[in-house]
Amino acid sequence: QVDLVESGGGLVQPGGSLRLSCAPSVSASSGNIGSFVTMGWYRQAPGKEREFVAVTTRYGDTNTADFAKGRFTIFREGDKNTVYLQMNSLSAEDTAVYYCYGATLSETSWGQGTQVTVSS
């Protein structure tokens, strides 16, 4: 597996924007797995189950949860193991810990999560 690290979370006011990033950590434990087939994001709000947010493949295909359509955009730099989540028009319901993942044909790696808090 690869150690993934998320960044970009924080406190934002309702209606604001954040861009989350996810990339392999620079460490000996990151391993060498080539390009992830898919990379994406899940989130988990307090007291709720983890839910799917968005996914992208190394070929550029994307899929986004209904609640995120029109507000969140996932993108990746070609087949690099780096993925971003641009989040606009944030509301309090988007408050959660956001987790990125990367999947090969045989295994999935996860990050530790980054907190996003939407509050005035």
Protein backbone atom coordinates (compact mmCIF):
# COMPACT_ATOMS: atom_id res chain seq x y z
CA GLN A 1 0.00 0.00 0.00
CA VAL A 2 0.86 3.66 -0.37
CA ASP A 3 0.63 6.31 2.32
CA LEU A 4 -1.65 9.06 1.07
CA VAL A 5 -1.76 12.51 2.63
CA GLU A 6 -4.65 14.94 2.34
CA SER A 7 -4.34 18.69 2.73
CA GLY A 8 -6.42 21.80 2.22
CA GLY A 9 -9.09 21.29 4.84
CA GLY A 10 -10.04 23.92 7.37
CA LEU A 11 -12.73 26.31 8.50
CA VAL A 12 -14.73 28.14 5.87
CA GLN A 13 -17.87 30.25 5.95
CA PRO A 14 -21.09 29.08 4.26
CA GLY A 15 -20.92 29.80 0.56
CA GLY A 16 -17.15 29.62 0.57
CA SER A 17 -14.74 27.33 -1.26
CA LEU A 18 -11.93 24.95 -0.45
CA ARG A 19 -9.60 22.84 -2.54
CA LEU A 20 -8.48 19.54 -1.09
CA SER A 21 -5.37 17.79 -2.30
CA CYS A 22 -4.20 14.22 -1.93
CA ALA A 23 -0.84 12.78 -2.83
CA PRO A 24 1.49 10.01 -1.71
CA SER A 25 3.64 10.91 1.25
CA VAL A 26 7.33 11.34 0.66
CA SER A 27 8.51 8.41 2.71
CA ALA A 28 10.08 5.05 2.34
CA SER A 29 6.75 3.41 3.17
CA SER A 30 5.04 4.84 0.11
CA GLY A 31 6.21 1.97 -2.03
CA ASN A 32 6.12 1.87 -5.80
CA ILE A 33 2.78 0.82 -7.23
CA GLY A 34 2.70 2.78 -10.45
CA SER A 35 -0.41 4.77 -11.31
CA PHE A 36 -3.62 4.25 -9.38
CA VAL A 37 -6.46 3.05 -11.58
CA THR A 38 -8.90 5.21 -9.65
CA MET A 39 -8.58 7.96 -7.07
CA GLY A 40 -11.38 9.58 -5.17
CA TRP A 41 -12.88 11.06 -2.07
CA TYR A 42 -15.22 9.94 0.68
CA ARG A 43 -16.40 11.91 3.67
CA GLN A 44 -17.72 11.15 7.12
CA ALA A 45 -19.76 13.59 9.16
CA PRO A 46 -20.15 13.24 12.93
CA GLY A 47 -22.56 10.43 13.76
CA LYS A 48 -22.92 9.38 10.13
CA GLU A 49 -21.51 6.67 7.94
CA ARG A 50 -18.75 7.35 5.47
CA GLU A 51 -20.21 8.35 2.12
CA PHE A 52 -18.92 8.56 -1.42
CA VAL A 53 -18.12 12.01 -2.78
CA ALA A 54 -16.34 11.67 -6.12
CA VAL A 55 -14.01 9.46 -8.13
CA THR A 56 -11.80 9.83 -11.16
CA THR A 57 -9.88 7.32 -13.24
CA ARG A 58 -6.46 7.71 -14.74
CA TYR A 59 -8.21 8.07 -18.09
CA GLY A 60 -10.11 11.16 -16.95
CA ASP A 61 -13.54 9.67 -16.34
CA THR A 62 -15.29 11.07 -13.29
CA ASN A 63 -18.33 10.39 -11.18
CA THR A 64 -19.73 12.65 -8.48
CA ALA A 65 -22.34 12.08 -5.78
CA ASP A 66 -25.65 13.79 -6.36
CA PHE A 67 -25.20 16.15 -3.40
CA ALA A 68 -21.90 17.32 -4.90
CA LYS A 69 -22.96 17.79 -8.51
CA GLY A 70 -22.60 21.37 -9.64
CA ARG A 71 -20.58 22.29 -6.55
CA PHE A 72 -17.65 19.86 -6.27
CA THR A 73 -15.16 19.03 -9.00
CA ILE A 74 -12.64 16.22 -8.86
CA PHE A 75 -9.59 16.33 -11.04
CA ARG A 76 -6.27 14.62 -11.37
CA GLU A 77 -3.02 15.44 -13.09
CA GLY A 78 -3.03 12.88 -15.86
CA ASP A 79 -2.02 9.51 -14.42
CA LYS A 80 -0.10 11.00 -11.53
CA ASN A 81 -1.09 9.75 -8.09
CA THR A 82 -2.37 13.17 -7.07
CA VAL A 83 -6.02 14.09 -6.88
CA TYR A 84 -7.86 17.29 -6.02
CA LEU A 85 -11.37 18.13 -4.90
CA GLN A 86 -12.52 21.66 -5.60
CA MET A 87 -15.49 22.43 -3.38
CA ASN A 88 -17.64 25.51 -3.97
CA SER A 89 -20.83 26.82 -2.41
CA LEU A 90 -20.12 24.98 0.80
CA SER A 91 -22.80 24.63 3.45
CA ALA A 92 -22.88 23.38 7.02
CA GLU A 93 -24.01 19.97 5.71
CA ASP A 94 -20.62 19.59 4.07
CA THR A 95 -18.87 19.59 7.42
CA ALA A 96 -17.03 16.29 7.66
CA VAL A 97 -13.69 14.57 7.58
CA TYR A 98 -12.74 14.04 3.95
CA TYR A 99 -10.73 10.98 3.03
CA CYS A 100 -8.96 10.32 -0.23
CA TYR A 101 -8.15 6.90 -1.63
CA GLY A 102 -6.25 5.38 -4.47
CA ALA A 103 -6.97 1.98 -5.90
CA THR A 104 -5.02 -0.42 -8.06
CA LEU A 105 -6.46 -3.66 -9.35
CA SER A 106 -5.42 -5.45 -6.17
CA GLU A 107 -5.49 -2.99 -3.28
CA THR A 108 -6.76 0.33 -1.99
CA SER A 109 -4.80 2.91 -0.06
CA TRP A 110 -6.40 5.56 2.15
CA GLY A 111 -5.33 8.82 3.65
CA GLN A 112 -5.83 9.81 7.28
CA GLY A 113 -8.44 12.42 6.43
CA THR A 114 -8.67 16.19 6.54
CA GLN A 115 -11.30 18.09 8.50
CA VAL A 116 -13.60 20.48 6.67
CA THR A 117 -15.77 22.68 8.84
CA VAL A 118 -18.32 25.03 7.35
CA SER A 119 -19.53 27.55 9.87
CA SER A 120 -20.12 31.23 10.28
